[in-house]
Amino acid sequence: GDKAFAQFLTDEIKEEKKIQKHKSLPKVSGGWELEVHGTEAKLVRKIAGEKITVTFNINNSIPPSVDEETQEEQKPDEQEPDLTSTPNFVVEVIKDDTKQTLVLDCHYPEDEVGHEGEEESDIFTIREVSFQPTGESDWKDTNYTLNTDSLDWALYDHLMDFLADRGVDNTFADELIELSTALEHQEYIKFLEDLKSFVKCQ
């Protein structure tokens, strides 16, 4: 059984490498520096007196495939739809002269498809906003967190503009999807390779 499994994995790795779009990770325009730790990626950008970091994790970032029924009607030679990774991402804005970090929790809404008619629809939304003490890695639940569900639209728009002024806009969000998808695929291939060596290990 293990031999067949290893053989299957070998073929699978070959196939995945064939469809791999990016041999190296795509860059995000606008002077963002990328740090990757396993499945977590961090983009950092410094502008006058501020440091902006965007962190996301590719785990569970691929939305479940829609409609099981359409899967069955698929002819065997049809290409599977491209999987895209749309991770939640957290934007932290640190100002040099304050002890606080503004943290904005953003995500890609699942009902993306419905918005095509609208002009200038944002491809991501801000879900929560809070202040966290700068330099502390632990999230404090005692700090007030603003949930955007019940938020005044004007305030929400200002927050979106605030992000856009710092380079976090639709273009960025598009490039983040591309980066995340490439990273996810790279990690998936690495996982298959590790699994293969594990299965082969006597």
C-alpha atoms as a PDB file:
ATOM      1  CA  GLY A   1       0.000   0.000   0.000  1.00  0.00           C
ATOM      2  CA  ASP A   2       2.786   2.445   0.910  1.00  0.00           C
ATOM      3  CA  LYS A   3       4.546   1.861  -2.412  1.00  0.00           C
ATOM      4  CA  ALA A   4       1.405   2.736  -4.338  1.00  0.00           C
ATOM      5  CA  PHE A   5       0.909   5.755  -2.073  1.00  0.00           C
ATOM      6  CA  ALA A   6       4.484   6.966  -2.710  1.00  0.00           C
ATOM      7  CA  GLN A   7       4.025   6.475  -6.447  1.00  0.00           C
ATOM      8  CA  PHE A   8       0.773   8.418  -6.361  1.00  0.00           C
ATOM      9  CA  LEU A   9       2.513  11.231  -4.483  1.00  0.00           C
ATOM     10  CA  THR A  10       5.377  11.301  -6.991  1.00  0.00           C
ATOM     11  CA  ASP A  11       2.896  11.755  -9.857  1.00  0.00           C
ATOM     12  CA  GLU A  12       0.899  14.291  -7.903  1.00  0.00           C
ATOM     13  CA  ILE A  13       4.025  16.372  -7.168  1.00  0.00           C
ATOM     14  CA  LYS A  14       4.915  16.296 -10.870  1.00  0.00           C
ATOM     15  CA  GLU A  15       1.438  17.505 -11.819  1.00  0.00           C
ATOM     16  CA  GLU A  16       1.417  20.245  -9.204  1.00  0.00           C
ATOM     17  CA  LYS A  17       4.836  21.488 -10.314  1.00  0.00           C
ATOM     18  CA  LYS A  18       3.595  21.590 -13.876  1.00  0.00           C
ATOM     19  CA  ILE A  19       0.709  23.925 -13.000  1.00  0.00           C
ATOM     20  CA  GLN A  20       2.734  26.013 -10.554  1.00  0.00           C
ATOM     21  CA  LYS A  21       2.418  29.582 -11.805  1.00  0.00           C
ATOM     22  CA  HIS A  22       5.287  31.085  -9.851  1.00  0.00           C
ATOM     23  CA  LYS A  23       8.607  29.411  -9.303  1.00  0.00           C
ATOM     24  CA  SER A  24       9.462  32.201  -6.898  1.00  0.00           C
ATOM     25  CA  LEU A  25       6.956  34.208  -4.916  1.00  0.00           C
ATOM     26  CA  PRO A  26       5.402  37.194  -6.721  1.00  0.00           C
ATOM     27  CA  LYS A  27       6.347  40.596  -5.388  1.00  0.00           C
ATOM     28  CA  VAL A  28       3.848  43.035  -3.952  1.00  0.00           C
ATOM     29  CA  SER A  29       4.283  46.470  -5.521  1.00  0.00           C
ATOM     30  CA  GLY A  30       4.736  49.568  -3.384  1.00  0.00           C
ATOM     31  CA  GLY A  31       7.940  48.715  -1.561  1.00  0.00           C
ATOM     32  CA  TRP A  32       6.636  46.000   0.761  1.00  0.00           C
ATOM     33  CA  GLU A  33       9.224  43.676   2.251  1.00  0.00           C
ATOM     34  CA  LEU A  34       8.191  40.088   2.691  1.00  0.00           C
ATOM     35  CA  GLU A  35       9.064  37.793   5.580  1.00  0.00           C
ATOM     36  CA  VAL A  36       7.788  34.227   5.554  1.00  0.00           C
ATOM     37  CA  HIS A  37       7.722  31.898   8.551  1.00  0.00           C
ATOM     38  CA  GLY A  38       6.164  28.621   7.509  1.00  0.00           C
ATOM     39  CA  THR A  39       2.541  29.357   6.686  1.00  0.00           C
ATOM     40  CA  GLU A  40       2.625  32.874   8.106  1.00  0.00           C
ATOM     41  CA  ALA A  41       3.693  35.778   5.948  1.00  0.00           C
ATOM     42  CA  LYS A  42       4.344  39.341   6.925  1.00  0.00           C
ATOM     43  CA  LEU A  43       4.628  42.358   4.634  1.00  0.00           C
ATOM     44  CA  VAL A  44       6.338  45.411   6.051  1.00  0.00           C
ATOM     45  CA  ARG A  45       6.456  48.938   4.696  1.00  0.00           C
ATOM     46  CA  LYS A  46       7.835  52.081   6.298  1.00  0.00           C
ATOM     47  CA  ILE A  47       6.611  55.533   5.435  1.00  0.00           C
ATOM     48  CA  ALA A  48       7.293  58.855   7.132  1.00  0.00           C
ATOM     49  CA  GLY A  49       7.089  58.228  10.858  1.00  0.00           C
ATOM     50  CA  GLU A  50       5.079  55.024  10.489  1.00  0.00           C
ATOM     51  CA  LYS A  51       5.584  51.334  10.069  1.00  0.00           C
ATOM     52  CA  ILE A  52       2.814  49.314   8.457  1.00  0.00           C
ATOM     53  CA  THR A  53       2.775  45.557   8.740  1.00  0.00           C
ATOM     54  CA  VAL A  54       0.318  43.191   7.117  1.00  0.00           C
ATOM     55  CA  THR A  55       0.251  39.648   8.447  1.00  0.00           C
ATOM     56  CA  PHE A  56      -1.628  36.670   7.077  1.00  0.00           C
ATOM     57  CA  ASN A  57      -1.584  32.909   7.378  1.00  0.00           C
ATOM     58  CA  ILE A  58      -2.274  30.638   4.416  1.00  0.00           C
ATOM     59  CA  ASN A  59      -3.763  27.856   6.529  1.00  0.00           C
ATOM     60  CA  ASN A  60      -7.495  27.511   5.836  1.00  0.00           C
ATOM     61  CA  SER A  61      -7.287  30.353   3.342  1.00  0.00           C
ATOM     62  CA  ILE A  62      -8.834  28.494   0.416  1.00  0.00           C
ATOM     63  CA  PRO A  63     -12.613  28.815   0.489  1.00  0.00           C
ATOM     64  CA  PRO A  64     -14.484  25.478   0.278  1.00  0.00           C
ATOM     65  CA  SER A  65     -15.457  24.652  -3.284  1.00  0.00           C
ATOM     66  CA  VAL A  66     -18.958  25.642  -4.260  1.00  0.00           C
ATOM     67  CA  ASP A  67     -21.704  23.176  -5.255  1.00  0.00           C
ATOM     68  CA  GLU A  68     -20.838  19.540  -4.978  1.00  0.00           C
ATOM     69  CA  GLU A  69     -23.220  18.862  -7.870  1.00  0.00           C
ATOM     70  CA  THR A  70     -21.238  20.734 -10.485  1.00  0.00           C
ATOM     71  CA  GLN A  71     -18.207  18.643  -9.542  1.00  0.00           C
ATOM     72  CA  GLU A  72     -19.887  15.467 -10.768  1.00  0.00           C
ATOM     73  CA  GLU A  73     -20.889  16.886 -14.121  1.00  0.00           C
ATOM     74  CA  GLN A  74     -17.297  17.802 -14.831  1.00  0.00           C
ATOM     75  CA  LYS A  75     -15.821  15.863 -17.724  1.00  0.00           C
ATOM     76  CA  PRO A  76     -12.608  14.119 -16.768  1.00  0.00           C
ATOM     77  CA  ASP A  77     -10.454  16.160 -19.159  1.00  0.00           C
ATOM     78  CA  GLU A  78     -11.780  19.519 -17.987  1.00  0.00           C
ATOM     79  CA  GLN A  79      -9.430  21.673 -16.006  1.00  0.00           C
ATOM     80  CA  GLU A  80     -10.296  22.015 -12.360  1.00  0.00           C
ATOM     81  CA  PRO A  81     -11.045  25.592 -11.377  1.00  0.00           C
ATOM     82  CA  ASP A  82      -7.994  27.432 -10.069  1.00  0.00           C
ATOM     83  CA  LEU A  83      -7.835  27.470  -6.317  1.00  0.00           C
ATOM     84  CA  THR A  84      -7.224  30.889  -4.907  1.00  0.00           C
ATOM     85  CA  SER A  85      -6.150  31.640  -1.411  1.00  0.00           C
ATOM     86  CA  THR A  86      -8.001  34.554   0.195  1.00  0.00           C
ATOM     87  CA  PRO A  87      -6.658  34.746   3.727  1.00  0.00           C
ATOM     88  CA  ASN A  88      -7.839  37.090   6.425  1.00  0.00           C
ATOM     89  CA  PHE A  89      -5.121  39.644   6.992  1.00  0.00           C
ATOM     90  CA  VAL A  90      -4.263  41.953   9.849  1.00  0.00           C
ATOM     91  CA  VAL A  91      -2.931  45.436   9.208  1.00  0.00           C
ATOM     92  CA  GLU A  92      -0.963  47.088  12.004  1.00  0.00           C
ATOM     93  CA  VAL A  93      -0.078  50.746  11.833  1.00  0.00           C
ATOM     94  CA  ILE A  94       2.618  51.806  14.273  1.00  0.00           C
ATOM     95  CA  LYS A  95       3.414  55.497  14.651  1.00  0.00           C
ATOM     96  CA  ASP A  96       6.907  56.243  15.888  1.00  0.00           C
ATOM     97  CA  ASP A  97       5.807  58.607  18.613  1.00  0.00           C
ATOM     98  CA  THR A  98       2.961  56.650  20.222  1.00  0.00           C
ATOM     99  CA  LYS A  99       2.919  53.573  22.374  1.00  0.00           C
ATOM    100  CA  GLN A 100      -0.123  52.250  20.586  1.00  0.00           C
ATOM    101  CA  THR A 101      -0.617  50.252  17.433  1.00  0.00           C
ATOM    102  CA  LEU A 102      -3.796  50.567  15.418  1.00  0.00           C
ATOM    103  CA  VAL A 103      -4.828  47.067  14.389  1.00  0.00           C
ATOM    104  CA  LEU A 104      -7.303  46.469  11.563  1.00  0.00           C
ATOM    105  CA  ASP A 105      -8.562  42.978  10.974  1.00  0.00           C
ATOM    106  CA  CYS A 106      -9.477  42.598   7.299  1.00  0.00           C
ATOM    107  CA  HIS A 107     -10.973  39.830   5.239  1.00  0.00           C
ATOM    108  CA  TYR A 108     -12.194  38.992   1.770  1.00  0.00           C
ATOM    109  CA  PRO A 109     -15.978  38.644   1.768  1.00  0.00           C
ATOM    110  CA  GLU A 110     -17.217  35.307   0.436  1.00  0.00           C
ATOM    111  CA  ASP A 111     -20.017  36.775  -1.662  1.00  0.00           C
ATOM    112  CA  GLU A 112     -17.516  38.383  -4.010  1.00  0.00           C
ATOM    113  CA  VAL A 113     -19.467  37.390  -7.101  1.00  0.00           C
ATOM    114  CA  GLY A 114     -22.484  39.557  -6.391  1.00  0.00           C
ATOM    115  CA  HIS A 115     -20.574  42.815  -6.509  1.00  0.00           C
ATOM    116  CA  GLU A 116     -19.587  42.911 -10.134  1.00  0.00           C
ATOM    117  CA  GLY A 117     -22.245  45.430 -11.105  1.00  0.00           C
ATOM    118  CA  GLU A 118     -21.053  47.999  -8.603  1.00  0.00           C
ATOM    119  CA  GLU A 119     -18.432  50.501  -9.569  1.00  0.00           C
ATOM    120  CA  GLU A 120     -15.359  50.630  -7.395  1.00  0.00           C
ATOM    121  CA  SER A 121     -16.417  47.910  -5.019  1.00  0.00           C
ATOM    122  CA  ASP A 122     -13.784  47.102  -2.419  1.00  0.00           C
ATOM    123  CA  ILE A 123     -12.502  43.568  -2.651  1.00  0.00           C
ATOM    124  CA  PHE A 124     -11.768  43.384   1.045  1.00  0.00           C
ATOM    125  CA  THR A 125     -13.548  44.607   4.148  1.00  0.00           C
ATOM    126  CA  ILE A 126     -12.418  45.731   7.571  1.00  0.00           C
ATOM    127  CA  ARG A 127     -13.967  43.515  10.210  1.00  0.00           C
ATOM    128  CA  GLU A 128     -12.528  44.815  13.459  1.00  0.00           C
ATOM    129  CA  VAL A 129     -10.419  47.708  14.639  1.00  0.00           C
ATOM    130  CA  SER A 130      -8.624  48.053  17.952  1.00  0.00           C
ATOM    131  CA  PHE A 131      -5.611  49.586  19.639  1.00  0.00           C
ATOM    132  CA  GLN A 132      -2.957  47.261  20.989  1.00  0.00           C
ATOM    133  CA  PRO A 133       0.093  48.236  23.030  1.00  0.00           C
ATOM    134  CA  THR A 134       3.053  48.465  20.641  1.00  0.00           C
ATOM    135  CA  GLY A 135       5.548  45.644  20.905  1.00  0.00           C
ATOM    136  CA  GLU A 136       3.332  43.221  22.787  1.00  0.00           C
ATOM    137  CA  SER A 137       2.611  40.061  20.913  1.00  0.00           C
ATOM    138  CA  ASP A 138      -0.301  39.079  23.107  1.00  0.00           C
ATOM    139  CA  TRP A 139      -3.659  40.304  21.978  1.00  0.00           C
ATOM    140  CA  LYS A 140      -5.435  41.908  24.899  1.00  0.00           C
ATOM    141  CA  ASP A 141      -9.115  41.107  25.109  1.00  0.00           C
ATOM    142  CA  THR A 142      -9.490  43.921  27.592  1.00  0.00           C
ATOM    143  CA  ASN A 143      -8.847  46.501  24.887  1.00  0.00           C
ATOM    144  CA  TYR A 144     -11.922  47.887  23.196  1.00  0.00           C
ATOM    145  CA  THR A 145     -12.494  46.304  19.814  1.00  0.00           C
ATOM    146  CA  LEU A 146     -14.676  48.063  17.315  1.00  0.00           C
ATOM    147  CA  ASN A 147     -16.735  45.701  15.215  1.00  0.00           C
ATOM    148  CA  THR A 148     -17.523  47.276  11.850  1.00  0.00           C
ATOM    149  CA  ASP A 149     -20.929  45.584  11.477  1.00  0.00           C
ATOM    150  CA  SER A 150     -22.699  48.380  13.272  1.00  0.00           C
ATOM    151  CA  LEU A 151     -20.393  51.171  12.195  1.00  0.00           C
ATOM    152  CA  ASP A 152     -21.262  54.552  10.758  1.00  0.00           C
ATOM    153  CA  TRP A 153     -20.498  54.332   7.017  1.00  0.00           C
ATOM    154  CA  ALA A 154     -18.653  57.630   6.947  1.00  0.00           C
ATOM    155  CA  LEU A 155     -16.271  56.408   9.649  1.00  0.00           C
ATOM    156  CA  TYR A 156     -15.825  53.117   7.807  1.00  0.00           C
ATOM    157  CA  ASP A 157     -14.998  54.949   4.575  1.00  0.00           C
ATOM    158  CA  HIS A 158     -12.432  57.064   6.385  1.00  0.00           C
ATOM    159  CA  LEU A 159     -10.824  53.908   7.760  1.00  0.00           C
ATOM    160  CA  MET A 160     -10.663  52.435   4.242  1.00  0.00           C
ATOM    161  CA  ASP A 161      -9.112  55.682   2.965  1.00  0.00           C
ATOM    162  CA  PHE A 162      -6.677  55.631   5.876  1.00  0.00           C
ATOM    163  CA  LEU A 163      -5.553  52.172   4.739  1.00  0.00           C
ATOM    164  CA  ALA A 164      -5.431  53.158   1.071  1.00  0.00           C
ATOM    165  CA  ASP A 165      -3.181  56.122   1.927  1.00  0.00           C
ATOM    166  CA  ARG A 166      -0.794  53.589   3.443  1.00  0.00           C
ATOM    167  CA  GLY A 167      -0.779  51.361   0.389  1.00  0.00           C
ATOM    168  CA  VAL A 168      -3.442  48.906   1.472  1.00  0.00           C
ATOM    169  CA  ASP A 169      -5.976  49.226  -1.329  1.00  0.00           C
ATOM    170  CA  ASN A 170      -7.632  47.007  -3.947  1.00  0.00           C
ATOM    171  CA  THR A 171      -4.426  46.638  -5.952  1.00  0.00           C
ATOM    172  CA  PHE A 172      -2.622  45.557  -2.816  1.00  0.00           C
ATOM    173  CA  ALA A 173      -5.443  43.161  -1.907  1.00  0.00           C
ATOM    174  CA  ASP A 174      -5.296  41.629  -5.401  1.00  0.00           C
ATOM    175  CA  GLU A 175      -1.549  41.170  -5.200  1.00  0.00           C
ATOM    176  CA  LEU A 176      -1.902  39.715  -1.720  1.00  0.00           C
ATOM    177  CA  ILE A 177      -4.253  37.037  -3.120  1.00  0.00           C
ATOM    178  CA  GLU A 178      -1.687  36.220  -5.786  1.00  0.00           C
ATOM    179  CA  LEU A 179       1.147  36.057  -3.275  1.00  0.00           C
ATOM    180  CA  SER A 180      -0.887  34.001  -0.842  1.00  0.00           C
ATOM    181  CA  THR A 181      -2.007  31.602  -3.560  1.00  0.00           C
ATOM    182  CA  ALA A 182       1.594  31.093  -4.721  1.00  0.00           C
ATOM    183  CA  LEU A 183       2.753  30.609  -1.147  1.00  0.00           C
ATOM    184  CA  GLU A 184      -0.052  28.157  -0.431  1.00  0.00           C
ATOM    185  CA  HIS A 185       0.796  26.156  -3.553  1.00  0.00           C
ATOM    186  CA  GLN A 186       4.478  26.129  -2.679  1.00  0.00           C
ATOM    187  CA  GLU A 187       3.702  24.879   0.835  1.00  0.00           C
ATOM    188  CA  TYR A 188       1.317  22.257  -0.572  1.00  0.00           C
ATOM    189  CA  ILE A 189       4.011  20.865  -2.881  1.00  0.00           C
ATOM    190  CA  LYS A 190       6.467  20.849   0.018  1.00  0.00           C
ATOM    191  CA  PHE A 191       3.895  19.018   2.124  1.00  0.00           C
ATOM    192  CA  LEU A 192       3.426  16.372  -0.600  1.00  0.00           C
ATOM    193  CA  GLU A 193       7.207  15.950  -0.800  1.00  0.00           C
ATOM    194  CA  ASP A 194       7.477  15.567   2.975  1.00  0.00           C
ATOM    195  CA  LEU A 195       4.604  13.115   2.946  1.00  0.00           C
ATOM    196  CA  LYS A 196       6.318  11.111   0.233  1.00  0.00           C
ATOM    197  CA  SER A 197       9.577  10.849   2.207  1.00  0.00           C
ATOM    198  CA  PHE A 198       7.574   9.971   5.311  1.00  0.00           C
ATOM    199  CA  VAL A 199       5.665   7.189   3.538  1.00  0.00           C
ATOM    200  CA  LYS A 200       8.849   5.818   1.985  1.00  0.00           C
ATOM    201  CA  CYS A 201      10.665   5.806   5.311  1.00  0.00           C
ATOM    202  CA  GLN A 202      10.934   2.210   6.467  1.00  0.00           C
END
